[in-house]
Amino acid sequence: MKLRERMRGKEIGRPLAIAAAVAILSAAAFLVVEFGPWNREAAEQPDRAATKAAAQAVGAKVTPTQPKLAVEPTPAGPKPVQPPVVAN
């Protein structure tokens, strides 16, 4: 008889409400963490001159990054061989 009462919703309503509340709170927490005010793209760009001066003050050498090549060179070594074709 208890199973039929549960199926009618008398005893299943409370756990369902708790599960729904947990799901809603979890979704709200996710949205706050993911899209909160502290998660803004590039809010402030660093001052390059100040960064360079600080690096040079401690003795670091500041050099520009090498640009990537538009076309990659062919690798050294033999070319890969095609697998043999097995005839039936």
PDB file of N, CA and C in Angstrom:
ATOM      1  N   MET A   1       0.807  -1.190   0.000  1.00  0.00           N
ATOM      2  CA  MET A   1       0.000   0.000   0.000  1.00  0.00           C
ATOM      3  C   MET A   1       0.858   1.266   0.000  1.00  0.00           C
ATOM      4  N   LYS A   2       2.035   1.179   0.629  1.00  0.00           N
ATOM      5  CA  LYS A   2       2.888   2.364   0.690  1.00  0.00           C
ATOM      6  C   LYS A   2       3.389   2.756  -0.705  1.00  0.00           C
ATOM      7  N   LEU A   3       3.646   1.787  -1.535  1.00  0.00           N
ATOM      8  CA  LEU A   3       4.129   2.087  -2.874  1.00  0.00           C
ATOM      9  C   LEU A   3       3.094   2.876  -3.661  1.00  0.00           C
ATOM     10  N   ARG A   4       1.838   2.523  -3.509  1.00  0.00           N
ATOM     11  CA  ARG A   4       0.786   3.244  -4.225  1.00  0.00           C
ATOM     12  C   ARG A   4       0.660   4.679  -3.709  1.00  0.00           C
ATOM     13  N   GLU A   5       0.854   4.867  -2.409  1.00  0.00           N
ATOM     14  CA  GLU A   5       0.797   6.224  -1.860  1.00  0.00           C
ATOM     15  C   GLU A   5       1.960   7.071  -2.382  1.00  0.00           C
ATOM     16  N   ARG A   6       3.120   6.435  -2.505  1.00  0.00           N
ATOM     17  CA  ARG A   6       4.277   7.163  -3.053  1.00  0.00           C
ATOM     18  C   ARG A   6       4.029   7.542  -4.509  1.00  0.00           C
ATOM     19  N   MET A   7       3.429   6.645  -5.228  1.00  0.00           N
ATOM     20  CA  MET A   7       3.191   6.903  -6.639  1.00  0.00           C
ATOM     21  C   MET A   7       2.148   8.002  -6.844  1.00  0.00           C
ATOM     22  N   ARG A   8       1.262   8.172  -5.902  1.00  0.00           N
ATOM     23  CA  ARG A   8       0.264   9.228  -5.997  1.00  0.00           C
ATOM     24  C   ARG A   8       0.870  10.596  -5.752  1.00  0.00           C
ATOM     25  N   GLY A   9       2.033  10.651  -5.157  1.00  0.00           N
ATOM     26  CA  GLY A   9       2.694  11.929  -4.962  1.00  0.00           C
ATOM     27  C   GLY A   9       2.658  12.437  -3.542  1.00  0.00           C
ATOM     28  N   LYS A  10       2.138  11.687  -2.629  1.00  0.00           N
ATOM     29  CA  LYS A  10       2.062  12.154  -1.254  1.00  0.00           C
ATOM     30  C   LYS A  10       3.434  12.164  -0.589  1.00  0.00           C
ATOM     31  N   GLU A  11       4.219  11.120  -0.797  1.00  0.00           N
ATOM     32  CA  GLU A  11       5.530  11.040  -0.167  1.00  0.00           C
ATOM     33  C   GLU A  11       6.657  11.395  -1.117  1.00  0.00           C
ATOM     34  N   ILE A  12       6.408  11.453  -2.378  1.00  0.00           N
ATOM     35  CA  ILE A  12       7.468  11.743  -3.341  1.00  0.00           C
ATOM     36  C   ILE A  12       7.615  13.241  -3.596  1.00  0.00           C
ATOM     37  N   GLY A  13       6.658  14.018  -3.166  1.00  0.00           N
ATOM     38  CA  GLY A  13       6.698  15.454  -3.415  1.00  0.00           C
ATOM     39  C   GLY A  13       7.844  16.168  -2.722  1.00  0.00           C
ATOM     40  N   ARG A  14       8.142  15.801  -1.492  1.00  0.00           N
ATOM     41  CA  ARG A  14       9.204  16.476  -0.746  1.00  0.00           C
ATOM     42  C   ARG A  14      10.589  16.215  -1.344  1.00  0.00           C
ATOM     43  N   PRO A  15      10.979  14.956  -1.613  1.00  0.00           N
ATOM     44  CA  PRO A  15      12.285  14.735  -2.247  1.00  0.00           C
ATOM     45  C   PRO A  15      12.396  15.393  -3.621  1.00  0.00           C
ATOM     46  N   LEU A  16      11.291  15.420  -4.348  1.00  0.00           N
ATOM     47  CA  LEU A  16      11.296  16.063  -5.655  1.00  0.00           C
ATOM     48  C   LEU A  16      11.528  17.565  -5.518  1.00  0.00           C
ATOM     49  N   ALA A  17      10.900  18.182  -4.522  1.00  0.00           N
ATOM     50  CA  ALA A  17      11.095  19.614  -4.289  1.00  0.00           C
ATOM     51  C   ALA A  17      12.525  19.908  -3.864  1.00  0.00           C
ATOM     52  N   ILE A  18      13.117  19.051  -3.050  1.00  0.00           N
ATOM     53  CA  ILE A  18      14.514  19.238  -2.612  1.00  0.00           C
ATOM     54  C   ILE A  18      15.450  19.106  -3.807  1.00  0.00           C
ATOM     55  N   ALA A  19      15.236  18.103  -4.635  1.00  0.00           N
ATOM     56  CA  ALA A  19      16.087  17.909  -5.822  1.00  0.00           C
ATOM     57  C   ALA A  19      15.958  19.087  -6.776  1.00  0.00           C
ATOM     58  N   ALA A  20      14.759  19.604  -6.952  1.00  0.00           N
ATOM     59  CA  ALA A  20      14.564  20.763  -7.838  1.00  0.00           C
ATOM     60  C   ALA A  20      15.258  22.000  -7.262  1.00  0.00           C
ATOM     61  N   ALA A  21      15.177  22.188  -5.951  1.00  0.00           N
ATOM     62  CA  ALA A  21      15.838  23.335  -5.323  1.00  0.00           C
ATOM     63  C   ALA A  21      17.351  23.245  -5.469  1.00  0.00           C
ATOM     64  N   VAL A  22      17.910  22.056  -5.284  1.00  0.00           N
ATOM     65  CA  VAL A  22      19.363  21.862  -5.450  1.00  0.00           C
ATOM     66  C   VAL A  22      19.764  22.141  -6.893  1.00  0.00           C
ATOM     67  N   ALA A  23      18.970  21.678  -7.849  1.00  0.00           N
ATOM     68  CA  ALA A  23      19.286  21.906  -9.261  1.00  0.00           C
ATOM     69  C   ALA A  23      19.238  23.390  -9.602  1.00  0.00           C
ATOM     70  N   ILE A  24      18.245  24.089  -9.106  1.00  0.00           N
ATOM     71  CA  ILE A  24      18.117  25.521  -9.391  1.00  0.00           C
ATOM     72  C   ILE A  24      19.256  26.307  -8.757  1.00  0.00           C
ATOM     73  N   LEU A  25      19.594  25.981  -7.498  1.00  0.00           N
ATOM     74  CA  LEU A  25      20.706  26.668  -6.833  1.00  0.00           C
ATOM     75  C   LEU A  25      22.038  26.374  -7.518  1.00  0.00           C
ATOM     76  N   SER A  26      22.229  25.147  -7.976  1.00  0.00           N
ATOM     77  CA  SER A  26      23.462  24.797  -8.689  1.00  0.00           C
ATOM     78  C   SER A  26      23.568  25.563 -10.004  1.00  0.00           C
ATOM     79  N   ALA A  27      22.484  25.657 -10.739  1.00  0.00           N
ATOM     80  CA  ALA A  27      22.499  26.402 -12.000  1.00  0.00           C
ATOM     81  C   ALA A  27      22.759  27.879 -11.748  1.00  0.00           C
ATOM     82  N   ALA A  28      22.163  28.434 -10.700  1.00  0.00           N
ATOM     83  CA  ALA A  28      22.397  29.845 -10.377  1.00  0.00           C
ATOM     84  C   ALA A  28      23.843  30.078  -9.972  1.00  0.00           C
ATOM     85  N   ALA A  29      24.415  29.167  -9.175  1.00  0.00           N
ATOM     86  CA  ALA A  29      25.816  29.298  -8.771  1.00  0.00           C
ATOM     87  C   ALA A  29      26.735  29.210  -9.988  1.00  0.00           C
ATOM     88  N   PHE A  30      26.428  28.315 -10.910  1.00  0.00           N
ATOM     89  CA  PHE A  30      27.234  28.206 -12.123  1.00  0.00           C
ATOM     90  C   PHE A  30      27.202  29.502 -12.926  1.00  0.00           C
ATOM     91  N   LEU A  31      26.030  30.068 -13.085  1.00  0.00           N
ATOM     92  CA  LEU A  31      25.906  31.302 -13.859  1.00  0.00           C
ATOM     93  C   LEU A  31      26.646  32.457 -13.195  1.00  0.00           C
ATOM     94  N   VAL A  32      26.608  32.530 -11.871  1.00  0.00           N
ATOM     95  CA  VAL A  32      27.326  33.595 -11.168  1.00  0.00           C
ATOM     96  C   VAL A  32      28.823  33.426 -11.335  1.00  0.00           C
ATOM     97  N   VAL A  33      29.318  32.200 -11.202  1.00  0.00           N
ATOM     98  CA  VAL A  33      30.756  31.959 -11.337  1.00  0.00           C
ATOM     99  C   VAL A  33      31.214  32.180 -12.777  1.00  0.00           C
ATOM    100  N   GLU A  34      30.446  31.709 -13.726  1.00  0.00           N
ATOM    101  CA  GLU A  34      30.856  31.786 -15.128  1.00  0.00           C
ATOM    102  C   GLU A  34      30.741  33.191 -15.709  1.00  0.00           C
ATOM    103  N   PHE A  35      29.700  33.908 -15.369  1.00  0.00           N
ATOM    104  CA  PHE A  35      29.447  35.205 -15.993  1.00  0.00           C
ATOM    105  C   PHE A  35      29.430  36.350 -14.988  1.00  0.00           C
ATOM    106  N   GLY A  36      30.116  36.189 -13.869  1.00  0.00           N
ATOM    107  CA  GLY A  36      30.131  37.218 -12.829  1.00  0.00           C
ATOM    108  C   GLY A  36      30.885  38.464 -13.263  1.00  0.00           C
ATOM    109  N   PRO A  37      30.804  39.520 -12.469  1.00  0.00           N
ATOM    110  CA  PRO A  37      31.438  40.783 -12.836  1.00  0.00           C
ATOM    111  C   PRO A  37      32.966  40.708 -12.852  1.00  0.00           C
ATOM    112  N   TRP A  38      33.566  39.762 -12.177  1.00  0.00           N
ATOM    113  CA  TRP A  38      35.023  39.640 -12.155  1.00  0.00           C
ATOM    114  C   TRP A  38      35.549  38.891 -13.360  1.00  0.00           C
ATOM    115  N   ASN A  39      34.691  38.354 -14.178  1.00  0.00           N
ATOM    116  CA  ASN A  39      35.103  37.550 -15.317  1.00  0.00           C
ATOM    117  C   ASN A  39      34.945  38.344 -16.616  1.00  0.00           C
ATOM    118  N   ARG A  40      35.423  39.547 -16.652  1.00  0.00           N
ATOM    119  CA  ARG A  40      35.330  40.383 -17.851  1.00  0.00           C
ATOM    120  C   ARG A  40      36.585  40.189 -18.700  1.00  0.00           C
ATOM    121  N   GLU A  41      36.385  40.161 -19.996  1.00  0.00           N
ATOM    122  CA  GLU A  41      37.493  39.983 -20.922  1.00  0.00           C
ATOM    123  C   GLU A  41      38.356  41.241 -20.981  1.00  0.00           C
ATOM    124  N   ALA A  42      39.609  41.080 -20.735  1.00  0.00           N
ATOM    125  CA  ALA A  42      40.602  42.156 -20.871  1.00  0.00           C
ATOM    126  C   ALA A  42      40.131  43.454 -20.230  1.00  0.00           C
ATOM    127  N   ALA A  43      39.856  43.412 -18.955  1.00  0.00           N
ATOM    128  CA  ALA A  43      39.378  44.593 -18.262  1.00  0.00           C
ATOM    129  C   ALA A  43      40.438  45.701 -18.263  1.00  0.00           C
ATOM    130  N   GLU A  44      41.684  45.306 -18.189  1.00  0.00           N
ATOM    131  CA  GLU A  44      42.747  46.297 -18.114  1.00  0.00           C
ATOM    132  C   GLU A  44      43.992  45.730 -18.779  1.00  0.00           C
ATOM    133  N   GLN A  45      44.572  46.443 -19.717  1.00  0.00           N
ATOM    134  CA  GLN A  45      45.788  46.004 -20.378  1.00  0.00           C
ATOM    135  C   GLN A  45      46.996  46.428 -19.542  1.00  0.00           C
ATOM    136  N   PRO A  46      47.982  45.571 -19.406  1.00  0.00           N
ATOM    137  CA  PRO A  46      49.165  45.940 -18.632  1.00  0.00           C
ATOM    138  C   PRO A  46      49.984  47.006 -19.365  1.00  0.00           C
ATOM    139  N   ASP A  47      50.661  47.837 -18.599  1.00  0.00           N
ATOM    140  CA  ASP A  47      51.512  48.875 -19.156  1.00  0.00           C
ATOM    141  C   ASP A  47      52.826  48.232 -19.586  1.00  0.00           C
ATOM    142  N   ARG A  48      53.079  48.192 -20.883  1.00  0.00           N
ATOM    143  CA  ARG A  48      54.266  47.508 -21.396  1.00  0.00           C
ATOM    144  C   ARG A  48      55.562  48.169 -20.946  1.00  0.00           C
ATOM    145  N   ALA A  49      55.566  49.489 -20.874  1.00  0.00           N
ATOM    146  CA  ALA A  49      56.784  50.187 -20.455  1.00  0.00           C
ATOM    147  C   ALA A  49      57.112  49.870 -19.000  1.00  0.00           C
ATOM    148  N   ALA A  50      56.102  49.824 -18.165  1.00  0.00           N
ATOM    149  CA  ALA A  50      56.332  49.509 -16.753  1.00  0.00           C
ATOM    150  C   ALA A  50      56.793  48.064 -16.587  1.00  0.00           C
ATOM    151  N   THR A  51      56.224  47.169 -17.376  1.00  0.00           N
ATOM    152  CA  THR A  51      56.632  45.765 -17.313  1.00  0.00           C
ATOM    153  C   THR A  51      58.075  45.615 -17.765  1.00  0.00           C
ATOM    154  N   LYS A  52      58.437  46.291 -18.843  1.00  0.00           N
ATOM    155  CA  LYS A  52      59.809  46.219 -19.353  1.00  0.00           C
ATOM    156  C   LYS A  52      60.782  46.815 -18.342  1.00  0.00           C
ATOM    157  N   ALA A  53      60.420  47.931 -17.727  1.00  0.00           N
ATOM    158  CA  ALA A  53      61.294  48.561 -16.732  1.00  0.00           C
ATOM    159  C   ALA A  53      61.471  47.660 -15.516  1.00  0.00           C
ATOM    160  N   ALA A  54      60.404  47.010 -15.082  1.00  0.00           N
ATOM    161  CA  ALA A  54      60.505  46.117 -13.931  1.00  0.00           C
ATOM    162  C   ALA A  54      61.372  44.911 -14.251  1.00  0.00           C
ATOM    163  N   ALA A  55      61.245  44.375 -15.459  1.00  0.00           N
ATOM    164  CA  ALA A  55      62.063  43.229 -15.848  1.00  0.00           C
ATOM    165  C   ALA A  55      63.532  43.612 -15.940  1.00  0.00           C
ATOM    166  N   GLN A  56      63.812  44.764 -16.510  1.00  0.00           N
ATOM    167  CA  GLN A  56      65.200  45.204 -16.630  1.00  0.00           C
ATOM    168  C   GLN A  56      65.795  45.569 -15.274  1.00  0.00           C
ATOM    169  N   ALA A  57      64.974  45.993 -14.344  1.00  0.00           N
ATOM    170  CA  ALA A  57      65.467  46.360 -13.012  1.00  0.00           C
ATOM    171  C   ALA A  57      66.021  45.152 -12.270  1.00  0.00           C
ATOM    172  N   VAL A  58      65.495  43.982 -12.550  1.00  0.00           N
ATOM    173  CA  VAL A  58      65.999  42.775 -11.889  1.00  0.00           C
ATOM    174  C   VAL A  58      66.998  42.025 -12.751  1.00  0.00           C
ATOM    175  N   GLY A  59      67.371  42.599 -13.882  1.00  0.00           N
ATOM    176  CA  GLY A  59      68.425  42.019 -14.710  1.00  0.00           C
ATOM    177  C   GLY A  59      67.940  41.105 -15.812  1.00  0.00           C
ATOM    178  N   ALA A  60      66.658  41.093 -16.117  1.00  0.00           N
ATOM    179  CA  ALA A  60      66.151  40.240 -17.189  1.00  0.00           C
ATOM    180  C   ALA A  60      66.381  40.909 -18.534  1.00  0.00           C
ATOM    181  N   LYS A  61      66.585  40.086 -19.561  1.00  0.00           N
ATOM    182  CA  LYS A  61      66.757  40.594 -20.913  1.00  0.00           C
ATOM    183  C   LYS A  61      65.410  40.513 -21.623  1.00  0.00           C
ATOM    184  N   VAL A  62      64.929  41.639 -22.127  1.00  0.00           N
ATOM    185  CA  VAL A  62      63.628  41.689 -22.788  1.00  0.00           C
ATOM    186  C   VAL A  62      63.851  41.648 -24.292  1.00  0.00           C
ATOM    187  N   THR A  63      63.337  40.594 -24.928  1.00  0.00           N
ATOM    188  CA  THR A  63      63.459  40.450 -26.383  1.00  0.00           C
ATOM    189  C   THR A  63      62.077  40.183 -26.957  1.00  0.00           C
ATOM    190  N   PRO A  64      61.819  40.665 -28.168  1.00  0.00           N
ATOM    191  CA  PRO A  64      60.510  40.402 -28.780  1.00  0.00           C
ATOM    192  C   PRO A  64      60.379  38.939 -29.186  1.00  0.00           C
ATOM    193  N   THR A  65      59.168  38.479 -29.256  1.00  0.00           N
ATOM    194  CA  THR A  65      58.884  37.104 -29.652  1.00  0.00           C
ATOM    195  C   THR A  65      59.041  36.971 -31.161  1.00  0.00           C
ATOM    196  N   GLN A  66      59.606  35.842 -31.585  1.00  0.00           N
ATOM    197  CA  GLN A  66      59.756  35.586 -33.015  1.00  0.00           C
ATOM    198  C   GLN A  66      58.371  35.363 -33.629  1.00  0.00           C
ATOM    199  N   PRO A  67      58.076  36.019 -34.758  1.00  0.00           N
ATOM    200  CA  PRO A  67      56.776  35.776 -35.388  1.00  0.00           C
ATOM    201  C   PRO A  67      56.711  34.371 -35.982  1.00  0.00           C
ATOM    202  N   LYS A  68      55.513  33.799 -36.024  1.00  0.00           N
ATOM    203  CA  LYS A  68      55.338  32.465 -36.608  1.00  0.00           C
ATOM    204  C   LYS A  68      55.487  32.560 -38.125  1.00  0.00           C
ATOM    205  N   LEU A  69      56.037  31.536 -38.705  1.00  0.00           N
ATOM    206  CA  LEU A  69      56.193  31.490 -40.149  1.00  0.00           C
ATOM    207  C   LEU A  69      54.840  31.245 -40.814  1.00  0.00           C
ATOM    208  N   ALA A  70      54.641  31.869 -41.954  1.00  0.00           N
ATOM    209  CA  ALA A  70      53.386  31.677 -42.688  1.00  0.00           C
ATOM    210  C   ALA A  70      53.313  30.266 -43.254  1.00  0.00           C
ATOM    211  N   VAL A  71      54.427  29.754 -43.736  1.00  0.00           N
ATOM    212  CA  VAL A  71      54.492  28.411 -44.294  1.00  0.00           C
ATOM    213  C   VAL A  71      55.529  27.639 -43.491  1.00  0.00           C
ATOM    214  N   GLU A  72      55.139  26.519 -42.961  1.00  0.00           N
ATOM    215  CA  GLU A  72      56.061  25.713 -42.173  1.00  0.00           C
ATOM    216  C   GLU A  72      57.040  25.001 -43.115  1.00  0.00           C
ATOM    217  N   PRO A  73      58.311  24.905 -42.738  1.00  0.00           N
ATOM    218  CA  PRO A  73      59.274  24.202 -43.583  1.00  0.00           C
ATOM    219  C   PRO A  73      59.013  22.691 -43.575  1.00  0.00           C
ATOM    220  N   THR A  74      59.494  22.017 -44.620  1.00  0.00           N
ATOM    221  CA  THR A  74      59.334  20.563 -44.665  1.00  0.00           C
ATOM    222  C   THR A  74      60.275  19.946 -43.635  1.00  0.00           C
ATOM    223  N   PRO A  75      59.819  18.939 -42.927  1.00  0.00           N
ATOM    224  CA  PRO A  75      60.666  18.332 -41.903  1.00  0.00           C
ATOM    225  C   PRO A  75      61.836  17.584 -42.531  1.00  0.00           C
ATOM    226  N   ALA A  76      62.954  17.581 -41.833  1.00  0.00           N
ATOM    227  CA  ALA A  76      64.133  16.867 -42.316  1.00  0.00           C
ATOM    228  C   ALA A  76      63.916  15.372 -42.149  1.00  0.00           C
ATOM    229  N   GLY A  77      64.543  14.607 -43.001  1.00  0.00           N
ATOM    230  CA  GLY A  77      64.435  13.157 -42.898  1.00  0.00           C
ATOM    231  C   GLY A  77      63.668  12.576 -44.062  1.00  0.00           C
ATOM    232  N   PRO A  78      63.587  11.252 -44.104  1.00  0.00           N
ATOM    233  CA  PRO A  78      62.901  10.594 -45.225  1.00  0.00           C
ATOM    234  C   PRO A  78      61.389  10.806 -45.155  1.00  0.00           C
ATOM    235  N   LYS A  79      60.784  10.729 -46.324  1.00  0.00           N
ATOM    236  CA  LYS A  79      59.328  10.865 -46.396  1.00  0.00           C
ATOM    237  C   LYS A  79      58.679   9.572 -45.911  1.00  0.00           C
ATOM    238  N   PRO A  80      57.484   9.657 -45.333  1.00  0.00           N
ATOM    239  CA  PRO A  80      56.824   8.432 -44.883  1.00  0.00           C
ATOM    240  C   PRO A  80      56.456   7.541 -46.070  1.00  0.00           C
ATOM    241  N   VAL A  81      56.549   6.249 -45.854  1.00  0.00           N
ATOM    242  CA  VAL A  81      56.261   5.281 -46.911  1.00  0.00           C
ATOM    243  C   VAL A  81      54.803   4.846 -46.802  1.00  0.00           C
ATOM    244  N   GLN A  82      54.175   4.635 -47.962  1.00  0.00           N
ATOM    245  CA  GLN A  82      52.800   4.156 -47.953  1.00  0.00           C
ATOM    246  C   GLN A  82      52.798   2.666 -47.591  1.00  0.00           C
ATOM    247  N   PRO A  83      51.765   2.223 -46.873  1.00  0.00           N
ATOM    248  CA  PRO A  83      51.713   0.793 -46.516  1.00  0.00           C
ATOM    249  C   PRO A  83      51.530  -0.062 -47.768  1.00  0.00           C
ATOM    250  N   PRO A  84      52.029  -1.265 -47.726  1.00  0.00           N
ATOM    251  CA  PRO A  84      51.921  -2.123 -48.914  1.00  0.00           C
ATOM    252  C   PRO A  84      50.472  -2.510 -49.175  1.00  0.00           C
ATOM    253  N   VAL A  85      50.152  -2.651 -50.448  1.00  0.00           N
ATOM    254  CA  VAL A  85      48.802  -3.068 -50.843  1.00  0.00           C
ATOM    255  C   VAL A  85      48.821  -4.570 -50.984  1.00  0.00           C
ATOM    256  N   VAL A  86      47.946  -5.244 -50.236  1.00  0.00           N
ATOM    257  CA  VAL A  86      47.902  -6.703 -50.261  1.00  0.00           C
ATOM    258  C   VAL A  86      46.858  -7.109 -51.305  1.00  0.00           C
ATOM    259  N   ALA A  87      47.302  -7.884 -52.276  1.00  0.00           N
ATOM    260  CA  ALA A  87      46.385  -8.366 -53.319  1.00  0.00           C
ATOM    261  C   ALA A  87      45.777  -9.682 -52.887  1.00  0.00           C
ATOM    262  N   ASN A  88      44.523  -9.888 -53.195  1.00  0.00           N
ATOM    263  CA  ASN A  88      43.857 -11.145 -52.820  1.00  0.00           C
ATOM    264  C   ASN A  88      44.108 -12.210 -53.815  1.00  0.00           C
TER     265      ASN A  88
END
